[in-house]
Amino acid sequence: MKNILFIIFLFLGLNFVHAQKQIVWFDAGLKAQYGATGFYNQAIADFGDYNYRIGTGYSFGGKVGINFRHNGLAIDVMYNNANQLFDDNNANKTVEFNWKSLDIYTLFRHAKNLGYFEIGPKISLVQEVSDNVEGNVTDRSTFYNKNFFSGVIGFGANIIGNDGAFSGILGLRFEYGLTDFVSDAGQTGHAPMLNPSVYTNGYKSTAPAFAGIVFEINWGIGYFAKAQCGARSKFIKF
């Protein structure tokens, strides 16, 4: 996981060093996303008593961007609510997991010809985790880590506006956990399913995931530029 983050930040650094001679501009915005959520655990997938069902979740928050022509760094801060569902075949019931977190994204973003591509890490600061079995909700927060990292990749296009002053952007985003969602206490308690039989062939880590649509409304804040050759750079509002 450390190697993945190192490669991502090295990629960001090389792009920013190359862009130092370019004009820097700033933007900010509001955003929301919705789609399929859940977590993947190989031991549960191999265990015949439970069937995966796709959950749904949403996030909302804001972003700021630091941009050098077509390349930039986007920092998103979003409140996340996610779910994972399982069918318990033996008990003939549904088990639902829900977790809430504050997600902080640090993404390299390439935007050109009204489209964009983004890649980078996300850290999720977990606020609470619970399970729901036939209406009986139980807080399981101690069984899960207070934070975990994910890898993020996304792409999309402007659908409103075509300049730096204002734009509406619609895209797709995919996220997958790089570190274990379950804590040491959760491993002892056989989380997520609390069934020791699941791990007969050994413990497997749990990776949260998301795949869905994301919508942004962005406003250009301004940019630094030289008014004339040899003049000192100054900040210009959009």
Protein backbone atom coordinates (compact mmCIF):
# COMPACT_ATOMS: atom_id res chain seq x y z
CA MET A 1 0.00 0.00 0.00
CA LYS A 2 2.92 2.35 0.83
CA ASN A 3 4.42 1.63 -2.59
CA ILE A 4 1.14 2.52 -4.31
CA LEU A 5 0.90 5.85 -2.47
CA PHE A 6 4.56 6.60 -3.23
CA ILE A 7 4.01 6.04 -6.95
CA ILE A 8 0.90 8.25 -6.93
CA PHE A 9 2.61 11.13 -5.14
CA LEU A 10 5.73 10.78 -7.32
CA PHE A 11 3.44 11.05 -10.37
CA LEU A 12 1.86 14.18 -8.90
CA GLY A 13 5.23 15.70 -8.09
CA LEU A 14 6.63 15.18 -11.57
CA ASN A 15 3.59 16.83 -13.13
CA PHE A 16 3.77 19.84 -10.81
CA VAL A 17 7.52 20.32 -11.33
CA HIS A 18 6.95 20.27 -15.09
CA ALA A 19 4.16 22.83 -14.66
CA GLN A 20 6.03 25.44 -12.64
CA LYS A 21 6.39 27.72 -15.67
CA GLN A 22 2.69 27.57 -16.36
CA ILE A 23 -0.04 29.85 -15.01
CA VAL A 24 -1.64 28.55 -11.83
CA TRP A 25 -5.38 28.92 -11.30
CA PHE A 26 -7.75 27.95 -8.51
CA ASP A 27 -11.31 26.67 -8.37
CA ALA A 28 -13.77 25.48 -5.73
CA GLY A 29 -17.08 23.71 -5.84
CA LEU A 30 -19.81 21.55 -4.42
CA LYS A 31 -20.23 17.90 -5.30
CA ALA A 32 -22.31 14.83 -4.64
CA GLN A 33 -22.05 11.18 -5.64
CA TYR A 34 -24.34 8.16 -5.59
CA GLY A 35 -23.92 4.54 -6.54
CA ALA A 36 -23.17 0.97 -5.56
CA THR A 37 -21.37 0.49 -2.26
CA GLY A 38 -20.19 -2.42 -0.20
CA PHE A 39 -17.11 -4.28 0.96
CA TYR A 40 -15.34 -7.35 -0.31
CA ASN A 41 -13.99 -10.19 1.83
CA GLN A 42 -12.69 -13.28 0.04
CA ALA A 43 -13.54 -15.58 2.97
CA ILE A 44 -17.20 -14.48 2.95
CA ALA A 45 -17.35 -14.84 -0.85
CA ASP A 46 -16.06 -18.43 -0.57
CA PHE A 47 -18.42 -19.32 2.29
CA GLY A 48 -21.66 -20.85 1.03
CA ASP A 49 -23.96 -19.61 3.80
CA TYR A 50 -23.96 -15.96 2.65
CA ASN A 51 -24.80 -14.33 -0.67
CA TYR A 52 -23.55 -10.85 -1.53
CA ARG A 53 -26.12 -8.21 -2.44
CA ILE A 54 -25.20 -4.79 -3.79
CA GLY A 55 -25.85 -1.90 -1.41
CA THR A 56 -26.21 1.77 -2.28
CA GLY A 57 -24.69 4.86 -0.75
CA TYR A 58 -24.11 8.54 -1.22
CA SER A 59 -21.60 11.27 -0.43
CA PHE A 60 -21.76 15.05 -0.50
CA GLY A 61 -19.29 17.83 0.24
CA GLY A 62 -16.95 20.26 -1.47
CA LYS A 63 -13.65 20.58 -3.29
CA VAL A 64 -10.81 22.96 -3.98
CA GLY A 65 -8.49 22.72 -6.95
CA ILE A 66 -4.97 23.97 -7.68
CA ASN A 67 -4.37 23.80 -11.42
CA PHE A 68 -1.49 24.28 -13.84
CA ARG A 69 -3.04 24.56 -17.30
CA HIS A 70 -4.49 21.06 -17.88
CA ASN A 71 -3.06 19.34 -14.79
CA GLY A 72 -3.96 19.94 -11.17
CA LEU A 73 -4.48 18.74 -7.64
CA ALA A 74 -8.09 18.37 -6.43
CA ILE A 75 -8.84 18.04 -2.72
CA ASP A 76 -12.35 16.77 -1.93
CA VAL A 77 -13.87 16.59 1.55
CA MET A 78 -17.10 14.58 1.60
CA TYR A 79 -19.50 13.04 4.12
CA ASN A 80 -20.16 9.42 3.19
CA ASN A 81 -23.00 7.00 4.01
CA ALA A 82 -22.54 3.45 2.68
CA ASN A 83 -24.20 0.03 2.94
CA GLN A 84 -23.50 -3.65 2.31
CA LEU A 85 -26.19 -6.37 2.23
CA PHE A 86 -25.98 -10.15 2.62
CA ASP A 87 -28.53 -12.93 2.42
CA ASP A 88 -28.09 -15.42 5.28
CA ASN A 89 -29.21 -18.62 3.57
CA ASN A 90 -29.33 -20.76 6.71
CA ALA A 91 -31.38 -18.30 8.78
CA ASN A 92 -33.38 -17.03 5.78
CA LYS A 93 -32.78 -13.39 6.66
CA THR A 94 -30.93 -10.31 5.40
CA VAL A 95 -27.94 -8.78 7.17
CA GLU A 96 -27.25 -5.11 6.45
CA PHE A 97 -24.08 -3.22 7.33
CA ASN A 98 -23.95 0.58 7.38
CA TRP A 99 -20.98 2.87 7.90
CA LYS A 100 -20.55 6.63 7.93
CA SER A 101 -17.28 8.42 7.37
CA LEU A 102 -15.62 11.72 6.51
CA ASP A 103 -13.69 11.11 3.30
CA ILE A 104 -10.70 13.21 2.21
CA TYR A 105 -9.51 12.80 -1.39
CA THR A 106 -6.18 14.03 -2.79
CA LEU A 107 -6.37 13.47 -6.54
CA PHE A 108 -4.22 14.26 -9.55
CA ARG A 109 -6.57 15.63 -12.19
CA HIS A 110 -6.04 16.09 -15.92
CA ALA A 111 -8.71 18.21 -17.62
CA LYS A 112 -8.75 18.95 -21.33
CA ASN A 113 -11.30 19.37 -24.14
CA LEU A 114 -14.14 19.61 -21.58
CA GLY A 115 -13.28 16.19 -20.12
CA TYR A 116 -11.24 15.07 -17.12
CA PHE A 117 -9.41 12.07 -15.66
CA GLU A 118 -8.51 11.74 -11.97
CA ILE A 119 -6.49 9.30 -9.86
CA GLY A 120 -5.17 9.24 -6.32
CA PRO A 121 -5.70 8.15 -2.70
CA LYS A 122 -8.56 8.68 -0.27
CA ILE A 123 -8.54 8.43 3.52
CA SER A 124 -11.83 7.64 5.26
CA LEU A 125 -12.24 8.80 8.86
CA VAL A 126 -14.84 6.33 10.13
CA GLN A 127 -17.49 7.79 12.41
CA GLU A 128 -19.71 4.77 13.06
CA VAL A 129 -20.42 1.25 11.83
CA SER A 130 -23.51 -0.82 12.60
CA ASP A 131 -25.26 -3.99 11.49
CA ASN A 132 -28.98 -4.48 11.08
CA VAL A 133 -30.54 -7.95 11.36
CA GLU A 134 -34.31 -7.91 10.86
CA GLY A 135 -34.63 -4.43 12.37
CA ASN A 136 -32.24 -5.04 15.27
CA VAL A 137 -29.49 -2.42 14.87
CA THR A 138 -26.24 -2.96 16.78
CA ASP A 139 -23.29 -0.58 16.92
CA ARG A 140 -20.12 -2.43 15.83
CA SER A 141 -17.75 0.53 15.62
CA THR A 142 -15.10 -1.09 17.84
CA PHE A 143 -14.81 -3.94 15.34
CA TYR A 144 -13.64 -1.58 12.59
CA ASN A 145 -10.62 0.66 12.12
CA LYS A 146 -11.03 4.38 12.70
CA ASN A 147 -9.59 5.06 9.26
CA PHE A 148 -8.69 3.24 6.06
CA PHE A 149 -7.17 4.14 2.71
CA SER A 150 -8.63 3.59 -0.76
CA GLY A 151 -7.43 4.01 -4.32
CA VAL A 152 -9.64 6.22 -6.52
CA ILE A 153 -9.98 6.58 -10.28
CA GLY A 154 -12.56 8.62 -12.19
CA PHE A 155 -13.40 10.41 -15.41
CA GLY A 156 -16.15 12.61 -16.83
CA ALA A 157 -17.02 15.72 -18.83
CA ASN A 158 -18.43 19.24 -18.56
CA ILE A 159 -22.15 19.33 -19.19
CA ILE A 160 -22.73 22.97 -18.17
CA GLY A 161 -20.40 25.86 -19.05
CA ASN A 162 -17.17 25.73 -20.97
CA ASP A 163 -14.78 28.12 -19.23
CA GLY A 164 -13.02 28.48 -15.89
CA ALA A 165 -15.61 30.82 -14.35
CA PHE A 166 -18.41 28.26 -13.92
CA SER A 167 -18.99 24.65 -14.89
CA GLY A 168 -21.17 21.66 -14.11
CA ILE A 169 -19.39 18.31 -14.41
CA LEU A 170 -20.80 14.78 -14.53
CA GLY A 171 -18.56 11.77 -14.16
CA LEU A 172 -17.96 8.23 -12.95
CA ARG A 173 -15.84 7.34 -9.93
CA PHE A 174 -14.49 3.99 -8.73
CA GLU A 175 -12.94 3.36 -5.30
CA TYR A 176 -11.44 0.27 -3.67
CA GLY A 177 -9.99 -0.17 -0.18
CA LEU A 178 -6.21 -0.61 0.10
CA THR A 179 -6.11 -1.26 3.85
CA ASP A 180 -8.22 -3.52 6.08
CA PHE A 181 -11.57 -2.12 7.24
CA VAL A 182 -11.73 -4.55 10.21
CA SER A 183 -9.80 -3.74 13.39
CA ASP A 184 -7.80 -6.11 15.61
CA ALA A 185 -10.82 -6.40 17.90
CA GLY A 186 -12.96 -7.21 14.87
CA GLN A 187 -10.57 -9.96 13.80
CA THR A 188 -10.84 -11.50 17.28
CA GLY A 189 -14.64 -11.24 17.04
CA HIS A 190 -14.71 -12.72 13.50
CA ALA A 191 -16.15 -9.56 11.91
CA PRO A 192 -17.93 -8.71 9.73
CA MET A 193 -20.24 -11.75 10.00
CA LEU A 194 -19.25 -12.64 13.63
CA ASN A 195 -19.12 -16.27 12.49
CA PRO A 196 -15.81 -18.10 13.15
CA SER A 197 -16.67 -20.71 10.52
CA VAL A 198 -16.16 -18.10 7.81
CA TYR A 199 -12.42 -18.04 8.55
CA THR A 200 -11.85 -21.80 8.67
CA ASN A 201 -9.20 -21.43 5.94
CA GLY A 202 -7.65 -18.32 7.49
CA TYR A 203 -8.49 -14.67 8.05
CA LYS A 204 -9.11 -12.44 5.01
CA SER A 205 -9.12 -8.63 5.00
CA THR A 206 -12.21 -6.54 4.22
CA ALA A 207 -12.03 -3.85 1.51
CA PRO A 208 -14.78 -1.20 1.12
CA ALA A 209 -15.67 -0.26 -2.45
CA PHE A 210 -17.73 2.25 -4.42
CA ALA A 211 -18.76 2.61 -8.07
CA GLY A 212 -21.12 5.36 -9.16
CA ILE A 213 -21.80 8.78 -10.60
CA VAL A 214 -20.43 12.07 -9.30
CA PHE A 215 -21.71 15.57 -10.06
CA GLU A 216 -19.79 18.80 -9.46
CA ILE A 217 -20.66 22.47 -9.62
CA ASN A 218 -17.40 24.44 -9.88
CA TRP A 219 -16.58 28.12 -9.67
CA GLY A 220 -13.30 29.63 -10.78
CA ILE A 221 -11.67 31.64 -7.98
CA GLY A 222 -8.88 33.25 -9.99
CA TYR A 223 -5.38 32.80 -11.37
CA PHE A 224 -1.88 34.17 -11.27
CA ALA A 225 -0.57 35.70 -14.49
CA LYS A 226 1.93 38.27 -15.75
CA ALA A 227 0.35 41.43 -17.11
CA GLN A 228 3.30 42.00 -19.46
CA CYS A 229 6.73 40.58 -20.22
CA GLY A 230 9.00 40.86 -17.19
CA ALA A 231 6.23 42.15 -14.90
CA ARG A 232 5.59 40.64 -11.49
CA SER A 233 2.83 38.00 -11.39
CA LYS A 234 -0.45 39.13 -9.89
CA PHE A 235 -3.68 37.44 -8.86
CA ILE A 236 -6.64 38.00 -11.19
CA LYS A 237 -10.21 37.03 -10.28
CA PHE A 238 -12.44 35.32 -12.82
